[in-house]
N, C-alpha and C. Protein backbone atom coordinates (compact mmCIF):
# COMPACT_ATOMS: atom_id res chain seq x y z
N MET A 1 49.09 38.17 42.93
CA MET A 1 49.77 37.39 41.93
C MET A 1 49.27 35.94 41.96
N ALA A 2 49.04 35.40 43.14
CA ALA A 2 48.55 34.02 43.25
C ALA A 2 47.19 33.90 42.57
N LEU A 3 46.35 34.90 42.71
CA LEU A 3 45.03 34.87 42.08
C LEU A 3 45.16 34.89 40.56
N ARG A 4 46.09 35.65 40.02
CA ARG A 4 46.30 35.66 38.57
C ARG A 4 46.82 34.32 38.08
N LEU A 5 47.61 33.64 38.89
CA LEU A 5 48.19 32.37 38.49
C LEU A 5 47.17 31.24 38.45
N VAL A 6 46.25 31.22 39.42
CA VAL A 6 45.32 30.09 39.52
C VAL A 6 43.88 30.45 39.17
N ASN A 7 43.57 31.74 39.15
CA ASN A 7 42.24 32.22 38.74
C ASN A 7 41.12 31.63 39.60
N ASP A 8 41.38 31.46 40.88
CA ASP A 8 40.38 30.94 41.81
C ASP A 8 40.73 31.48 43.20
N ARG A 9 39.81 32.19 43.83
CA ARG A 9 40.11 32.86 45.10
C ARG A 9 40.54 31.89 46.20
N GLU A 10 39.82 30.79 46.35
CA GLU A 10 40.16 29.84 47.41
C GLU A 10 41.52 29.21 47.16
N MET A 11 41.77 28.82 45.91
CA MET A 11 43.05 28.21 45.59
C MET A 11 44.17 29.24 45.73
N ALA A 12 43.90 30.50 45.38
CA ALA A 12 44.90 31.56 45.50
C ALA A 12 45.29 31.77 46.97
N ALA A 13 44.31 31.67 47.87
CA ALA A 13 44.61 31.80 49.30
C ALA A 13 45.52 30.67 49.76
N ASP A 14 45.25 29.45 49.26
CA ASP A 14 46.11 28.31 49.59
C ASP A 14 47.52 28.50 49.04
N VAL A 15 47.60 29.00 47.80
CA VAL A 15 48.91 29.24 47.18
C VAL A 15 49.68 30.28 47.98
N ALA A 16 49.03 31.37 48.35
CA ALA A 16 49.71 32.44 49.10
C ALA A 16 50.20 31.92 50.46
N GLN A 17 49.34 31.16 51.14
CA GLN A 17 49.74 30.61 52.43
C GLN A 17 50.94 29.67 52.28
N ASP A 18 50.88 28.80 51.28
CA ASP A 18 51.98 27.87 51.04
C ASP A 18 53.26 28.63 50.70
N ALA A 19 53.14 29.68 49.89
CA ALA A 19 54.32 30.46 49.50
C ALA A 19 54.96 31.13 50.71
N PHE A 20 54.14 31.68 51.60
CA PHE A 20 54.69 32.34 52.78
C PHE A 20 55.35 31.32 53.72
N VAL A 21 54.76 30.14 53.84
CA VAL A 21 55.36 29.10 54.67
C VAL A 21 56.69 28.67 54.07
N ARG A 22 56.71 28.47 52.76
CA ARG A 22 57.97 28.09 52.10
C ARG A 22 59.03 29.18 52.26
N ALA A 23 58.62 30.43 52.12
CA ALA A 23 59.57 31.54 52.26
C ALA A 23 60.11 31.59 53.70
N TRP A 24 59.24 31.42 54.68
CA TRP A 24 59.66 31.45 56.09
C TRP A 24 60.69 30.36 56.37
N ARG A 25 60.38 29.15 55.86
CA ARG A 25 61.31 28.03 56.08
C ARG A 25 62.62 28.22 55.32
N GLY A 26 62.54 28.86 54.15
CA GLY A 26 63.72 29.04 53.32
C GLY A 26 64.50 30.31 53.60
N LEU A 27 63.99 31.15 54.48
CA LEU A 27 64.63 32.44 54.77
C LEU A 27 66.11 32.30 55.17
N PRO A 28 66.48 31.31 55.97
CA PRO A 28 67.92 31.18 56.30
C PRO A 28 68.79 30.89 55.08
N ARG A 29 68.20 30.33 54.04
CA ARG A 29 68.98 30.02 52.83
C ARG A 29 68.95 31.15 51.80
N PHE A 30 68.19 32.21 52.07
CA PHE A 30 68.13 33.33 51.13
C PHE A 30 69.48 34.04 51.13
N ARG A 31 70.13 34.03 49.96
CA ARG A 31 71.49 34.57 49.86
C ARG A 31 71.52 36.05 49.47
N GLY A 32 70.45 36.55 48.93
CA GLY A 32 70.44 37.95 48.53
C GLY A 32 71.01 38.17 47.15
N ASP A 33 71.25 37.09 46.37
CA ASP A 33 71.73 37.23 45.00
C ASP A 33 70.70 37.95 44.14
N ALA A 34 69.45 37.72 44.42
CA ALA A 34 68.36 38.39 43.71
C ALA A 34 67.58 39.22 44.72
N ALA A 35 66.75 40.09 44.21
CA ALA A 35 65.91 40.90 45.10
C ALA A 35 64.94 39.99 45.84
N PHE A 36 64.57 40.38 47.05
CA PHE A 36 63.64 39.58 47.83
C PHE A 36 62.32 39.40 47.07
N LYS A 37 61.89 40.45 46.38
CA LYS A 37 60.65 40.39 45.60
C LYS A 37 60.74 39.30 44.53
N THR A 38 61.86 39.22 43.84
CA THR A 38 62.06 38.20 42.80
C THR A 38 62.05 36.81 43.41
N TRP A 39 62.71 36.65 44.53
CA TRP A 39 62.77 35.37 45.23
C TRP A 39 61.36 34.94 45.65
N MET A 40 60.60 35.87 46.21
CA MET A 40 59.24 35.57 46.66
C MET A 40 58.32 35.25 45.47
N HIS A 41 58.53 35.95 44.37
CA HIS A 41 57.76 35.70 43.15
C HIS A 41 57.97 34.26 42.69
N ARG A 42 59.23 33.82 42.66
CA ARG A 42 59.54 32.45 42.21
C ARG A 42 58.92 31.41 43.14
N ILE A 43 58.96 31.67 44.44
CA ILE A 43 58.36 30.75 45.40
C ILE A 43 56.86 30.65 45.17
N THR A 44 56.21 31.78 44.91
CA THR A 44 54.76 31.80 44.69
C THR A 44 54.40 31.04 43.41
N VAL A 45 55.16 31.25 42.35
CA VAL A 45 54.92 30.53 41.09
C VAL A 45 55.07 29.03 41.31
N ASN A 46 56.12 28.62 42.01
CA ASN A 46 56.32 27.20 42.29
C ASN A 46 55.20 26.63 43.14
N ALA A 47 54.73 27.39 44.12
CA ALA A 47 53.63 26.93 44.97
C ALA A 47 52.35 26.76 44.15
N ALA A 48 52.11 27.69 43.22
CA ALA A 48 50.92 27.60 42.37
C ALA A 48 50.98 26.37 41.48
N TRP A 49 52.13 26.11 40.87
CA TRP A 49 52.27 24.93 40.00
C TRP A 49 52.11 23.64 40.79
N THR A 50 52.69 23.60 41.98
CA THR A 50 52.57 22.41 42.81
C THR A 50 51.11 22.14 43.17
N LEU A 51 50.39 23.17 43.56
CA LEU A 51 48.99 23.00 43.93
C LEU A 51 48.14 22.60 42.72
N LYS A 52 48.41 23.20 41.57
CA LYS A 52 47.67 22.83 40.36
C LYS A 52 47.90 21.37 40.00
N LYS A 53 49.17 20.94 40.06
CA LYS A 53 49.49 19.55 39.74
C LYS A 53 48.80 18.60 40.70
N ARG A 54 48.83 18.95 41.98
CA ARG A 54 48.19 18.10 42.99
C ARG A 54 46.69 18.00 42.72
N ASN A 55 46.06 19.10 42.37
CA ASN A 55 44.63 19.09 42.09
C ASN A 55 44.32 18.33 40.81
N LEU A 56 45.18 18.41 39.80
CA LEU A 56 44.94 17.71 38.55
C LEU A 56 45.06 16.20 38.70
N ARG A 57 45.90 15.77 39.61
CA ARG A 57 46.04 14.33 39.83
C ARG A 57 44.75 13.72 40.35
N HIS A 58 43.94 14.57 40.98
CA HIS A 58 42.67 14.10 41.53
C HIS A 58 41.49 14.62 40.73
N LEU A 59 41.78 15.04 39.51
CA LEU A 59 40.75 15.61 38.64
C LEU A 59 39.78 14.55 38.16
N SER A 60 38.53 14.86 38.30
CA SER A 60 37.48 14.00 37.76
C SER A 60 36.39 14.95 37.29
N THR A 61 36.35 15.20 36.02
CA THR A 61 35.41 16.16 35.48
C THR A 61 34.18 15.45 34.96
N SER A 62 33.05 15.91 35.41
CA SER A 62 31.79 15.38 34.92
C SER A 62 31.47 16.08 33.60
N LEU A 63 30.91 15.35 32.68
CA LEU A 63 30.51 15.99 31.42
C LEU A 63 29.46 17.06 31.65
N ASP A 64 28.69 16.92 32.73
CA ASP A 64 27.69 17.94 33.05
C ASP A 64 28.35 19.26 33.42
N ASP A 65 29.58 19.19 33.97
CA ASP A 65 30.32 20.39 34.37
C ASP A 65 31.12 21.00 33.22
N ALA A 66 31.24 20.27 32.13
CA ALA A 66 32.02 20.77 30.99
C ALA A 66 31.26 21.92 30.34
N PRO A 67 32.00 22.85 29.76
CA PRO A 67 31.33 23.97 29.10
C PRO A 67 30.40 23.47 28.00
N GLN A 68 29.20 23.99 28.00
CA GLN A 68 28.22 23.60 26.99
C GLN A 68 28.38 24.49 25.76
N ILE A 69 28.46 23.88 24.61
CA ILE A 69 28.56 24.62 23.36
C ILE A 69 27.19 24.59 22.73
N PRO A 70 26.59 25.75 22.57
CA PRO A 70 25.24 25.76 21.99
C PRO A 70 25.25 25.21 20.57
N ASP A 71 24.30 24.36 20.27
CA ASP A 71 24.20 23.77 18.95
C ASP A 71 23.16 24.55 18.16
N ARG A 72 23.60 25.48 17.36
CA ARG A 72 22.72 26.37 16.61
C ARG A 72 22.00 25.64 15.48
N THR A 73 22.52 24.47 15.07
CA THR A 73 21.92 23.75 13.96
C THR A 73 20.65 23.01 14.36
N LEU A 74 20.39 22.88 15.66
CA LEU A 74 19.24 22.11 16.11
C LEU A 74 17.99 22.96 16.31
N SER A 75 18.04 24.22 15.97
CA SER A 75 16.92 25.11 16.24
C SER A 75 15.61 24.53 15.70
N GLY A 76 14.80 24.02 16.61
CA GLY A 76 13.49 23.50 16.26
C GLY A 76 13.48 22.08 15.72
N ASP A 77 14.59 21.44 15.50
CA ASP A 77 14.62 20.10 14.94
C ASP A 77 14.68 19.09 16.08
N LEU A 78 13.51 18.61 16.50
CA LEU A 78 13.42 17.72 17.66
C LEU A 78 14.08 16.37 17.42
N GLU A 79 14.02 15.88 16.20
CA GLU A 79 14.64 14.60 15.89
C GLU A 79 16.15 14.69 16.08
N ARG A 80 16.73 15.75 15.58
CA ARG A 80 18.17 15.96 15.76
C ARG A 80 18.52 16.14 17.22
N ALA A 81 17.68 16.86 17.95
CA ALA A 81 17.92 17.07 19.38
C ALA A 81 17.93 15.73 20.11
N GLY A 82 17.03 14.84 19.75
CA GLY A 82 16.98 13.51 20.35
C GLY A 82 18.23 12.71 20.03
N GLU A 83 18.68 12.78 18.78
CA GLU A 83 19.91 12.09 18.39
C GLU A 83 21.11 12.63 19.17
N ASN A 84 21.12 13.94 19.36
CA ASN A 84 22.21 14.58 20.09
C ASN A 84 22.22 14.09 21.54
N LEU A 85 21.03 13.97 22.15
CA LEU A 85 20.94 13.48 23.51
C LEU A 85 21.41 12.02 23.60
N GLU A 86 21.04 11.22 22.62
CA GLU A 86 21.47 9.82 22.59
C GLU A 86 22.99 9.73 22.46
N LEU A 87 23.56 10.56 21.58
CA LEU A 87 25.01 10.57 21.39
C LEU A 87 25.72 10.99 22.67
N ARG A 88 25.16 11.97 23.38
CA ARG A 88 25.77 12.41 24.63
C ARG A 88 25.80 11.26 25.64
N GLY A 89 24.72 10.50 25.71
CA GLY A 89 24.68 9.35 26.62
C GLY A 89 25.71 8.29 26.23
N ARG A 90 25.83 8.02 24.94
CA ARG A 90 26.82 7.05 24.46
C ARG A 90 28.24 7.52 24.75
N LEU A 91 28.46 8.82 24.59
CA LEU A 91 29.78 9.38 24.87
C LEU A 91 30.12 9.29 26.36
N ARG A 92 29.15 9.58 27.21
CA ARG A 92 29.36 9.43 28.66
C ARG A 92 29.74 7.99 29.00
N SER A 93 28.99 7.06 28.43
CA SER A 93 29.25 5.65 28.67
C SER A 93 30.66 5.27 28.18
N ALA A 94 31.04 5.77 27.02
CA ALA A 94 32.37 5.47 26.48
C ALA A 94 33.46 6.07 27.36
N LEU A 95 33.27 7.28 27.84
CA LEU A 95 34.26 7.91 28.72
C LEU A 95 34.39 7.14 30.03
N ASP A 96 33.29 6.58 30.50
CA ASP A 96 33.34 5.79 31.73
C ASP A 96 34.19 4.53 31.58
N GLN A 97 34.39 4.08 30.35
CA GLN A 97 35.18 2.88 30.09
C GLN A 97 36.69 3.16 30.12
N LEU A 98 37.08 4.43 30.09
CA LEU A 98 38.49 4.80 30.08
C LEU A 98 39.07 4.73 31.49
N THR A 99 40.38 4.53 31.55
CA THR A 99 41.06 4.62 32.84
C THR A 99 41.07 6.10 33.25
N ARG A 100 41.27 6.35 34.53
CA ARG A 100 41.29 7.74 35.00
C ARG A 100 42.36 8.58 34.28
N PRO A 101 43.60 8.06 34.11
CA PRO A 101 44.61 8.86 33.39
C PRO A 101 44.19 9.17 31.95
N GLN A 102 43.59 8.19 31.27
CA GLN A 102 43.15 8.42 29.90
C GLN A 102 42.02 9.45 29.86
N ARG A 103 41.07 9.30 30.75
CA ARG A 103 39.94 10.24 30.78
C ARG A 103 40.43 11.65 31.08
N THR A 104 41.38 11.79 32.00
CA THR A 104 41.91 13.10 32.34
C THR A 104 42.53 13.77 31.12
N VAL A 105 43.34 13.02 30.38
CA VAL A 105 43.99 13.58 29.19
C VAL A 105 42.95 13.96 28.14
N VAL A 106 41.93 13.12 27.94
CA VAL A 106 40.88 13.44 26.96
C VAL A 106 40.15 14.72 27.36
N VAL A 107 39.80 14.85 28.62
CA VAL A 107 39.08 16.03 29.08
C VAL A 107 39.93 17.28 28.91
N LEU A 108 41.21 17.19 29.34
CA LEU A 108 42.08 18.37 29.23
C LEU A 108 42.33 18.77 27.78
N LYS A 109 42.51 17.79 26.90
CA LYS A 109 42.83 18.09 25.50
C LYS A 109 41.58 18.44 24.70
N ASP A 110 40.58 17.56 24.75
CA ASP A 110 39.42 17.71 23.85
C ASP A 110 38.34 18.65 24.37
N ILE A 111 38.23 18.80 25.67
CA ILE A 111 37.19 19.70 26.20
C ILE A 111 37.77 21.06 26.52
N TYR A 112 38.94 21.07 27.21
CA TYR A 112 39.52 22.34 27.63
C TYR A 112 40.54 22.90 26.65
N GLY A 113 40.98 22.09 25.68
CA GLY A 113 41.86 22.59 24.64
C GLY A 113 43.31 22.79 25.05
N TRP A 114 43.77 22.09 26.08
CA TRP A 114 45.16 22.22 26.51
C TRP A 114 46.07 21.59 25.47
N SER A 115 47.30 22.10 25.38
CA SER A 115 48.30 21.51 24.48
C SER A 115 48.88 20.26 25.14
N HIS A 116 49.57 19.44 24.34
CA HIS A 116 50.21 18.25 24.90
C HIS A 116 51.25 18.64 25.95
N GLY A 117 51.96 19.72 25.69
CA GLY A 117 52.97 20.20 26.63
C GLY A 117 52.36 20.62 27.97
N GLU A 118 51.25 21.34 27.91
CA GLU A 118 50.58 21.77 29.14
C GLU A 118 50.08 20.57 29.93
N ILE A 119 49.53 19.60 29.23
CA ILE A 119 49.02 18.40 29.89
C ILE A 119 50.18 17.65 30.56
N ALA A 120 51.26 17.49 29.82
CA ALA A 120 52.43 16.77 30.35
C ALA A 120 52.97 17.46 31.59
N GLU A 121 53.10 18.76 31.53
CA GLU A 121 53.63 19.50 32.67
C GLU A 121 52.71 19.41 33.88
N ALA A 122 51.41 19.55 33.64
CA ALA A 122 50.44 19.53 34.73
C ALA A 122 50.36 18.16 35.40
N LEU A 123 50.49 17.09 34.60
CA LEU A 123 50.36 15.74 35.15
C LEU A 123 51.70 15.13 35.55
N GLY A 124 52.79 15.84 35.27
CA GLY A 124 54.10 15.32 35.64
C GLY A 124 54.53 14.13 34.80
N ILE A 125 54.15 14.16 33.51
CA ILE A 125 54.53 13.09 32.59
C ILE A 125 55.23 13.72 31.39
N THR A 126 55.77 12.90 30.51
CA THR A 126 56.41 13.44 29.31
C THR A 126 55.36 13.79 28.27
N VAL A 127 55.73 14.60 27.31
CA VAL A 127 54.82 14.95 26.21
C VAL A 127 54.46 13.68 25.44
N THR A 128 55.43 12.82 25.25
CA THR A 128 55.17 11.56 24.54
C THR A 128 54.13 10.73 25.29
N ALA A 129 54.25 10.65 26.60
CA ALA A 129 53.28 9.89 27.40
C ALA A 129 51.89 10.50 27.28
N ALA A 130 51.81 11.82 27.26
CA ALA A 130 50.50 12.48 27.10
C ALA A 130 49.89 12.14 25.74
N LYS A 131 50.72 12.16 24.70
CA LYS A 131 50.24 11.83 23.36
C LYS A 131 49.79 10.37 23.28
N VAL A 132 50.56 9.48 23.89
CA VAL A 132 50.21 8.05 23.87
C VAL A 132 48.90 7.81 24.61
N ARG A 133 48.75 8.42 25.78
CA ARG A 133 47.50 8.27 26.53
C ARG A 133 46.31 8.76 25.72
N LEU A 134 46.48 9.91 25.07
CA LEU A 134 45.39 10.47 24.28
C LEU A 134 45.06 9.56 23.10
N HIS A 135 46.10 9.06 22.42
CA HIS A 135 45.88 8.17 21.27
C HIS A 135 45.14 6.91 21.70
N ARG A 136 45.59 6.30 22.79
CA ARG A 136 44.94 5.07 23.28
C ARG A 136 43.51 5.35 23.73
N ALA A 137 43.31 6.48 24.37
CA ALA A 137 41.96 6.83 24.82
C ALA A 137 41.04 7.04 23.62
N HIS A 138 41.52 7.75 22.60
CA HIS A 138 40.70 7.96 21.40
C HIS A 138 40.38 6.63 20.73
N HIS A 139 41.35 5.72 20.70
CA HIS A 139 41.13 4.40 20.10
C HIS A 139 40.04 3.65 20.88
N ARG A 140 40.13 3.67 22.21
CA ARG A 140 39.11 3.00 23.03
C ARG A 140 37.75 3.64 22.85
N LEU A 141 37.72 4.96 22.74
CA LEU A 141 36.44 5.66 22.53
C LEU A 141 35.82 5.24 21.19
N ARG A 142 36.65 5.20 20.14
CA ARG A 142 36.15 4.77 18.82
C ARG A 142 35.60 3.35 18.88
N ASP A 143 36.34 2.47 19.55
CA ASP A 143 35.88 1.08 19.68
C ASP A 143 34.55 1.01 20.42
N HIS A 144 34.45 1.75 21.52
CA HIS A 144 33.23 1.69 22.32
C HIS A 144 32.05 2.32 21.57
N LEU A 145 32.33 3.33 20.79
CA LEU A 145 31.24 4.00 20.06
C LEU A 145 30.91 3.30 18.75
N GLY A 146 31.68 2.25 18.42
CA GLY A 146 31.40 1.47 17.21
C GLY A 146 31.90 2.09 15.94
N GLU A 147 32.81 3.05 16.06
CA GLU A 147 33.33 3.71 14.86
C GLU A 147 34.65 3.11 14.42
N GLY A 148 35.17 2.12 15.17
CA GLY A 148 36.45 1.52 14.82
C GLY A 148 36.30 0.36 13.87
N GLN A 149 35.07 0.01 13.48
CA GLN A 149 34.84 -1.15 12.62
C GLN A 149 34.67 -0.75 11.18
């Protein structure tokens, strides 16, 4: 179950270990109102969310690690390919100008396609704060790229 929750073997091992430690420590408080399996399931889900949040707080995604979307329109057009490379460099430079929280929200929303709610939950902020960070980051990106004039 931990592997399904985090989709990463190493992280799943950490989640499982944390869940068992939490269950061991919480065993005296287990009242038996629910089945042990249900109780353990909830502990594992909570452990997975905690670990994901902790990892996201330290998230720093390189654009080189971002999924590459093949540009089918550039087939054989070297001039366009050069422009695309120049734009990528300008975008990297613009992203470097953002604060870490702004960059994180931009990467999660614009590259990975997360919803505002998912971003807020993962970062431990409100949906409004996620939207504000994204709006400010987009504004700074436009300014840096010269599209705000």
